[in-house]
Amino acid sequence: MLKIYLSNEQGILQEKTEITNGCWVNLTSPTEQEISIVANKLQIPLEFLKDPLDEEERSRIEKDGDNILIIVNIPLMSIDEHKIPIYDTIPLGMIIANNCFVTICLRDNPIFHTFSENKVKNFFTYKRTRFSFQILYSMATSYLKYLKQINKKTDAIEKELHQSMKNKELFSLLNLEKSLVYFTTSLKSNNIVMQKMLKSNYLKMYEDDQELLEDVIIENQQAIEMAETHTTILSGMMDAFASVISNNVNIVMKFLTSFTIILALPTMVASFYGMNVPIPFQDYPYAFFVAIIISFVLSSITAVIFWKKRFF
């Protein structure tokens, strides 16, 4: 999908049908024809437009003539067939071309919506460097928002696990732990790109732009620390619940073993008195009650011993 936007002097975003100077060209899961149109119109290398469409593409900044390519990994939330939220990251490409700004991504994402719906202050499509920093800032805040959601979901799952140990909750924790690993890896690679942008001469920055980039780096660093903290907590929680489950299994097995031994004693007494050979008290009229009393006494003594040893 190809969309073209242009800001007027009042900062109001308008959708256009043709690529003009100072416009924002937004490509979302584009076709080959749309990629060719943008590449030919703006004289952008094809690899600049195709690299961000690779889900495994690493974050980096690259320059070719007057074109600058910035690839970062942005967070994305989706819902699976079981209505469970899944957090992942995908590459987002930003190209600062001749008099135009191009964004390209494999999927639609909320970051683009905040700009296309005029929700960002001081946003102008023709201020390309500032626009790229504003996208990076929106990306960093998105990471923080999703990390808070993951933290809340972790707390909710923990409460459920205190009541009952189910595989569903454990799999949910595993998915959250996987998401945090993706987030941490992407945030660290994004941080390298932003540090390079701050120190290199790829982009012409005014003082306000530099301050904005520094704020983005601070937000990104905060997201890294939060992701690492949640990863450590979640990993410790998984280990703790694994130990609890193992301990519960041991307790159940200990109880069942003790109960089996107690029940085996009456069976043993009854087996002795059920033999087809001469036995003591076989002619005694109350021999049955004697066997019952012996079984009860042996089971009671064994139960008391097990109780004192806390077998159940």
Protein backbone atom coordinates (compact mmCIF):
# COMPACT_ATOMS: atom_id res chain seq x y z
CA MET A 1 0.00 0.00 0.00
CA LEU A 2 1.34 3.40 -1.01
CA LYS A 3 0.19 6.60 0.66
CA ILE A 4 1.52 10.12 0.21
CA TYR A 5 1.13 12.89 2.80
CA LEU A 6 2.14 16.55 2.84
CA SER A 7 2.07 19.10 5.66
CA ASN A 8 0.94 22.65 5.02
CA GLU A 9 2.35 25.70 6.78
CA GLN A 10 -0.08 25.21 9.68
CA GLY A 11 1.17 21.67 10.20
CA ILE A 12 -2.06 20.02 9.01
CA LEU A 13 -1.42 16.76 7.21
CA GLN A 14 -3.09 16.24 3.84
CA GLU A 15 -3.15 13.11 1.69
CA LYS A 16 -1.89 13.54 -1.86
CA THR A 17 -2.05 11.45 -5.02
CA GLU A 18 1.37 12.34 -6.41
CA ILE A 19 4.88 12.55 -4.96
CA THR A 20 5.88 16.20 -4.49
CA ASN A 21 8.68 18.07 -2.72
CA GLY A 22 8.54 17.84 1.06
CA CYS A 23 6.05 14.96 1.11
CA TRP A 24 6.01 11.81 3.21
CA VAL A 25 5.80 8.58 1.22
CA ASN A 26 4.53 5.73 3.37
CA LEU A 27 4.90 2.17 2.02
CA THR A 28 3.19 -0.61 3.96
CA SER A 29 3.67 -4.13 2.60
CA PRO A 30 4.20 -2.63 -0.86
CA THR A 31 3.93 -4.41 -4.18
CA GLU A 32 6.80 -4.59 -6.66
CA GLN A 33 5.07 -1.98 -8.79
CA GLU A 34 4.81 0.49 -5.89
CA ILE A 35 8.48 -0.05 -5.02
CA SER A 36 9.50 0.60 -8.62
CA ILE A 37 7.41 3.79 -8.80
CA VAL A 38 9.03 5.26 -5.66
CA ALA A 39 12.53 4.13 -6.64
CA ASN A 40 12.30 5.67 -10.11
CA LYS A 41 10.60 8.86 -8.97
CA LEU A 42 13.02 9.62 -6.11
CA GLN A 43 16.14 7.92 -7.51
CA ILE A 44 16.44 5.60 -4.51
CA PRO A 45 18.42 2.33 -4.78
CA LEU A 46 16.11 -0.67 -4.87
CA GLU A 47 17.91 -2.38 -1.99
CA PHE A 48 17.07 0.62 0.24
CA LEU A 49 13.38 -0.13 -0.32
CA LYS A 50 13.59 -3.93 -0.17
CA ASP A 51 15.92 -4.45 2.79
CA PRO A 52 13.39 -3.24 5.44
CA LEU A 53 10.89 -5.82 4.11
CA ASP A 54 13.10 -8.64 5.39
CA GLU A 55 11.87 -9.70 8.85
CA GLU A 56 15.40 -10.69 9.86
CA GLU A 57 17.04 -7.44 8.73
CA ARG A 58 19.34 -5.89 11.34
CA SER A 59 19.20 -2.30 12.52
CA ARG A 60 21.67 -0.02 10.77
CA ILE A 61 22.27 3.33 9.08
CA GLU A 62 23.63 3.55 5.54
CA LYS A 63 24.29 6.30 3.03
CA ASP A 64 24.31 6.17 -0.77
CA GLY A 65 24.84 9.53 -2.42
CA ASP A 66 22.17 11.90 -1.14
CA ASN A 67 20.00 9.05 0.15
CA ILE A 68 20.25 7.96 3.79
CA LEU A 69 18.70 4.67 4.95
CA ILE A 70 17.88 4.12 8.63
CA ILE A 71 16.58 0.71 9.67
CA VAL A 72 15.33 0.14 13.22
CA ASN A 73 13.22 -2.58 14.83
CA ILE A 74 9.85 -1.45 16.12
CA PRO A 75 7.54 -3.30 18.55
CA LEU A 76 4.34 -4.86 17.32
CA MET A 77 1.48 -6.62 19.11
CA SER A 78 -0.76 -9.18 17.45
CA ILE A 79 -3.42 -11.65 18.59
CA ASP A 80 -3.12 -15.38 17.88
CA GLU A 81 -5.93 -17.86 17.21
CA HIS A 82 -6.40 -18.39 20.96
CA LYS A 83 -6.87 -14.63 21.50
CA ILE A 84 -3.56 -14.40 23.34
CA PRO A 85 -1.47 -11.26 22.66
CA ILE A 86 1.90 -11.86 21.04
CA TYR A 87 4.65 -9.25 21.15
CA ASP A 88 7.26 -9.16 18.41
CA THR A 89 9.50 -6.76 16.53
CA ILE A 90 9.75 -5.98 12.82
CA PRO A 91 12.12 -3.76 10.81
CA LEU A 92 11.09 -0.23 9.89
CA GLY A 93 12.96 1.59 7.16
CA MET A 94 13.28 5.38 6.97
CA ILE A 95 14.83 6.91 3.86
CA ILE A 96 15.84 10.55 3.72
CA ALA A 97 15.77 11.18 -0.03
CA ASN A 98 15.89 14.28 -2.22
CA ASN A 99 13.23 16.60 -0.81
CA CYS A 100 11.15 13.63 0.40
CA PHE A 101 10.89 11.32 3.38
CA VAL A 102 10.07 7.66 2.81
CA THR A 103 8.99 5.06 5.38
CA ILE A 104 8.64 1.40 4.53
CA CYS A 105 7.46 -1.49 6.66
CA LEU A 106 6.18 -5.01 6.16
CA ARG A 107 3.06 -4.45 8.30
CA ASP A 108 0.84 -1.61 9.34
CA ASN A 109 1.65 -0.34 12.83
CA PRO A 110 0.33 2.24 15.35
CA ILE A 111 3.43 4.45 14.96
CA PHE A 112 2.38 5.48 11.45
CA HIS A 113 -1.16 6.17 12.66
CA THR A 114 -0.01 8.70 15.25
CA PHE A 115 1.54 10.77 12.46
CA SER A 116 -1.11 10.25 9.77
CA GLU A 117 -3.84 11.24 12.24
CA ASN A 118 -2.07 14.49 13.28
CA LYS A 119 -1.47 13.32 16.87
CA VAL A 120 2.17 14.50 16.99
CA LYS A 121 2.97 18.11 17.84
CA ASN A 122 5.36 20.15 15.68
CA PHE A 123 5.24 17.55 12.93
CA PHE A 124 6.05 18.65 9.41
CA THR A 125 6.73 16.22 6.57
CA TYR A 126 9.34 18.51 5.00
CA LYS A 127 11.46 18.56 8.19
CA ARG A 128 12.97 15.21 7.35
CA THR A 129 15.63 14.92 10.06
CA ARG A 130 13.22 15.94 12.81
CA PHE A 131 10.60 13.62 11.36
CA SER A 132 12.98 10.65 11.64
CA PHE A 133 13.76 11.54 15.27
CA GLN A 134 10.06 11.87 16.05
CA ILE A 135 9.47 8.38 14.68
CA LEU A 136 12.32 7.08 16.83
CA TYR A 137 10.83 8.79 19.88
CA SER A 138 7.41 7.30 19.16
CA MET A 139 9.09 3.91 18.73
CA ALA A 140 10.82 4.18 22.13
CA THR A 141 7.57 5.14 23.89
CA SER A 142 5.84 2.19 22.18
CA TYR A 143 8.44 -0.16 23.65
CA LEU A 144 7.82 1.31 27.11
CA LYS A 145 4.05 0.96 26.69
CA TYR A 146 4.29 -2.68 25.62
CA LEU A 147 6.73 -3.45 28.44
CA LYS A 148 4.20 -2.12 30.95
CA GLN A 149 1.54 -4.33 29.37
CA ILE A 150 3.85 -7.35 29.64
CA ASN A 151 4.48 -6.52 33.31
CA LYS A 152 0.72 -6.37 34.02
CA LYS A 153 0.11 -9.66 32.22
CA THR A 154 2.94 -11.27 34.18
CA ASP A 155 1.36 -10.17 37.47
CA ALA A 156 -2.05 -11.50 36.36
CA ILE A 157 -0.59 -14.87 35.34
CA GLU A 158 1.31 -15.08 38.63
CA LYS A 159 -1.95 -14.68 40.59
CA GLU A 160 -3.55 -17.44 38.51
CA LEU A 161 -0.60 -19.74 39.12
CA HIS A 162 -0.92 -19.25 42.87
CA GLN A 163 -4.41 -20.76 42.65
CA SER A 164 -3.82 -23.55 40.14
CA MET A 165 -0.85 -24.86 38.18
CA LYS A 166 -1.98 -25.08 34.57
CA ASN A 167 0.01 -25.53 31.39
CA LYS A 168 -1.82 -22.60 29.78
CA GLU A 169 -0.39 -20.08 32.25
CA LEU A 170 3.10 -21.55 31.96
CA PHE A 171 2.99 -21.32 28.17
CA SER A 172 1.83 -17.70 28.47
CA LEU A 173 4.83 -16.93 30.68
CA LEU A 174 7.08 -18.62 28.15
CA ASN A 175 5.67 -16.45 25.34
CA LEU A 176 6.19 -13.30 27.40
CA GLU A 177 9.77 -14.31 28.15
CA LYS A 178 10.38 -14.85 24.42
CA SER A 179 8.90 -11.41 23.66
CA LEU A 180 11.20 -9.77 26.19
CA VAL A 181 14.23 -11.40 24.56
CA TYR A 182 13.13 -10.00 21.19
CA PHE A 183 12.58 -6.57 22.72
CA THR A 184 15.96 -6.50 24.45
CA THR A 185 17.83 -7.57 21.32
CA SER A 186 16.04 -5.02 19.14
CA LEU A 187 16.44 -2.18 21.64
CA LYS A 188 20.17 -2.74 21.92
CA SER A 189 20.65 -2.79 18.15
CA ASN A 190 18.51 0.36 17.84
CA ASN A 191 20.62 2.04 20.49
CA ILE A 192 23.79 1.40 18.45
CA VAL A 193 22.17 3.02 15.41
CA MET A 194 21.07 6.09 17.38
CA GLN A 195 24.47 6.51 18.97
CA LYS A 196 25.99 6.38 15.50
CA MET A 197 23.50 9.00 14.28
CA LEU A 198 24.45 11.27 17.17
CA LYS A 199 28.20 10.97 16.60
CA SER A 200 28.37 10.79 12.79
CA ASN A 201 27.75 13.46 10.17
CA TYR A 202 25.11 11.54 8.23
CA LEU A 203 22.34 13.94 9.23
CA LYS A 204 22.36 17.71 9.45
CA MET A 205 21.02 18.50 12.89
CA TYR A 206 20.01 21.76 14.52
CA GLU A 207 20.30 22.19 18.27
CA ASP A 208 16.64 21.22 18.80
CA ASP A 209 17.11 18.11 16.67
CA GLN A 210 20.13 17.05 18.68
CA GLU A 211 18.24 17.51 21.93
CA LEU A 212 15.37 15.43 20.56
CA LEU A 213 17.76 12.64 19.54
CA GLU A 214 19.34 12.70 23.00
CA ASP A 215 15.86 12.37 24.53
CA VAL A 216 15.19 9.41 22.23
CA ILE A 217 18.42 7.73 23.35
CA ILE A 218 17.46 8.25 27.01
CA GLU A 219 13.99 6.75 26.41
CA ASN A 220 15.52 3.83 24.52
CA GLN A 221 18.04 3.21 27.31
CA GLN A 222 15.22 3.24 29.84
CA ALA A 223 13.36 0.69 27.73
CA ILE A 224 16.49 -1.52 27.61
CA GLU A 225 16.85 -1.44 31.39
CA MET A 226 13.14 -2.15 31.88
CA ALA A 227 13.23 -5.06 29.42
CA GLU A 228 16.29 -6.56 31.10
CA THR A 229 14.69 -6.16 34.54
CA HIS A 230 11.45 -7.84 33.43
CA THR A 231 13.44 -10.60 31.74
CA THR A 232 15.33 -11.32 34.96
CA ILE A 233 12.14 -11.28 37.03
CA LEU A 234 10.28 -13.50 34.58
CA SER A 235 13.16 -15.96 34.35
CA GLY A 236 13.33 -16.19 38.14
CA MET A 237 9.56 -16.63 38.30
CA MET A 238 9.67 -19.48 35.77
CA ASP A 239 12.38 -21.22 37.78
CA ALA A 240 10.43 -20.69 41.01
CA PHE A 241 7.21 -22.12 39.62
CA ALA A 242 9.10 -25.05 38.10
CA SER A 243 10.47 -25.80 41.57
CA VAL A 244 6.99 -25.43 43.10
CA ILE A 245 5.51 -27.84 40.57
CA SER A 246 8.29 -30.35 41.19
CA ASN A 247 7.82 -29.99 44.96
CA ASN A 248 4.06 -30.50 44.63
CA VAL A 249 4.65 -33.68 42.66
CA ASN A 250 7.02 -34.94 45.38
CA ILE A 251 4.43 -34.18 48.08
CA VAL A 252 1.69 -36.04 46.20
CA MET A 253 3.97 -39.04 45.56
CA LYS A 254 5.00 -39.12 49.24
CA PHE A 255 1.36 -39.05 50.34
CA LEU A 256 0.31 -41.76 47.89
CA THR A 257 3.23 -43.99 48.89
CA SER A 258 2.45 -43.59 52.61
CA PHE A 259 -1.25 -44.27 52.04
CA THR A 260 -0.42 -47.36 49.97
CA ILE A 261 1.78 -48.77 52.75
CA ILE A 262 -0.96 -48.18 55.34
CA LEU A 263 -3.53 -49.95 53.15
CA ALA A 264 -1.12 -52.81 52.48
CA LEU A 265 -0.97 -53.84 56.16
CA PRO A 266 -4.64 -54.97 56.46
CA THR A 267 -4.22 -56.77 53.14
CA MET A 268 -1.17 -58.58 54.51
CA VAL A 269 -3.01 -59.70 57.68
CA ALA A 270 -6.02 -60.85 55.66
CA SER A 271 -3.68 -62.78 53.36
CA PHE A 272 -2.15 -64.68 56.29
CA TYR A 273 -5.58 -65.63 57.65
CA GLY A 274 -6.81 -66.55 54.21
CA MET A 275 -4.19 -69.29 53.71
CA ASN A 276 -5.40 -72.86 53.02
CA VAL A 277 -3.28 -74.30 55.84
CA PRO A 278 -3.81 -74.70 59.58
CA ILE A 279 -3.47 -71.31 61.32
CA PRO A 280 -3.75 -70.14 64.93
CA PHE A 281 -7.28 -69.34 66.21
CA GLN A 282 -8.88 -70.86 63.11
CA ASP A 283 -11.55 -72.49 65.29
CA TYR A 284 -11.98 -69.46 67.53
CA PRO A 285 -15.47 -67.96 67.02
CA TYR A 286 -14.18 -64.36 67.05
CA ALA A 287 -11.11 -64.92 64.83
CA PHE A 288 -12.47 -62.50 62.21
CA PHE A 289 -12.60 -59.66 64.74
CA VAL A 290 -9.09 -60.51 65.90
CA ALA A 291 -7.81 -60.10 62.35
CA ILE A 292 -9.65 -56.77 62.05
CA ILE A 293 -8.19 -55.50 65.34
CA ILE A 294 -4.65 -56.54 64.36
CA SER A 295 -5.02 -54.80 60.99
CA PHE A 296 -6.39 -51.63 62.63
CA VAL A 297 -3.58 -51.52 65.20
CA LEU A 298 -0.82 -52.02 62.64
CA SER A 299 -2.30 -49.39 60.31
CA SER A 300 -2.80 -46.92 63.15
CA ILE A 301 0.78 -47.32 64.42
CA THR A 302 2.15 -46.91 60.89
CA ALA A 303 -0.06 -43.83 60.27
CA VAL A 304 1.15 -42.19 63.50
CA ILE A 305 4.78 -42.83 62.59
CA PHE A 306 4.29 -41.36 59.10
CA TRP A 307 2.40 -38.38 60.56
CA LYS A 308 5.25 -37.60 62.97
CA LYS A 309 7.72 -37.80 60.10
CA ARG A 310 5.42 -35.45 58.12
CA PHE A 311 4.92 -37.80 55.25
CA PHE A 312 1.38 -36.37 54.93
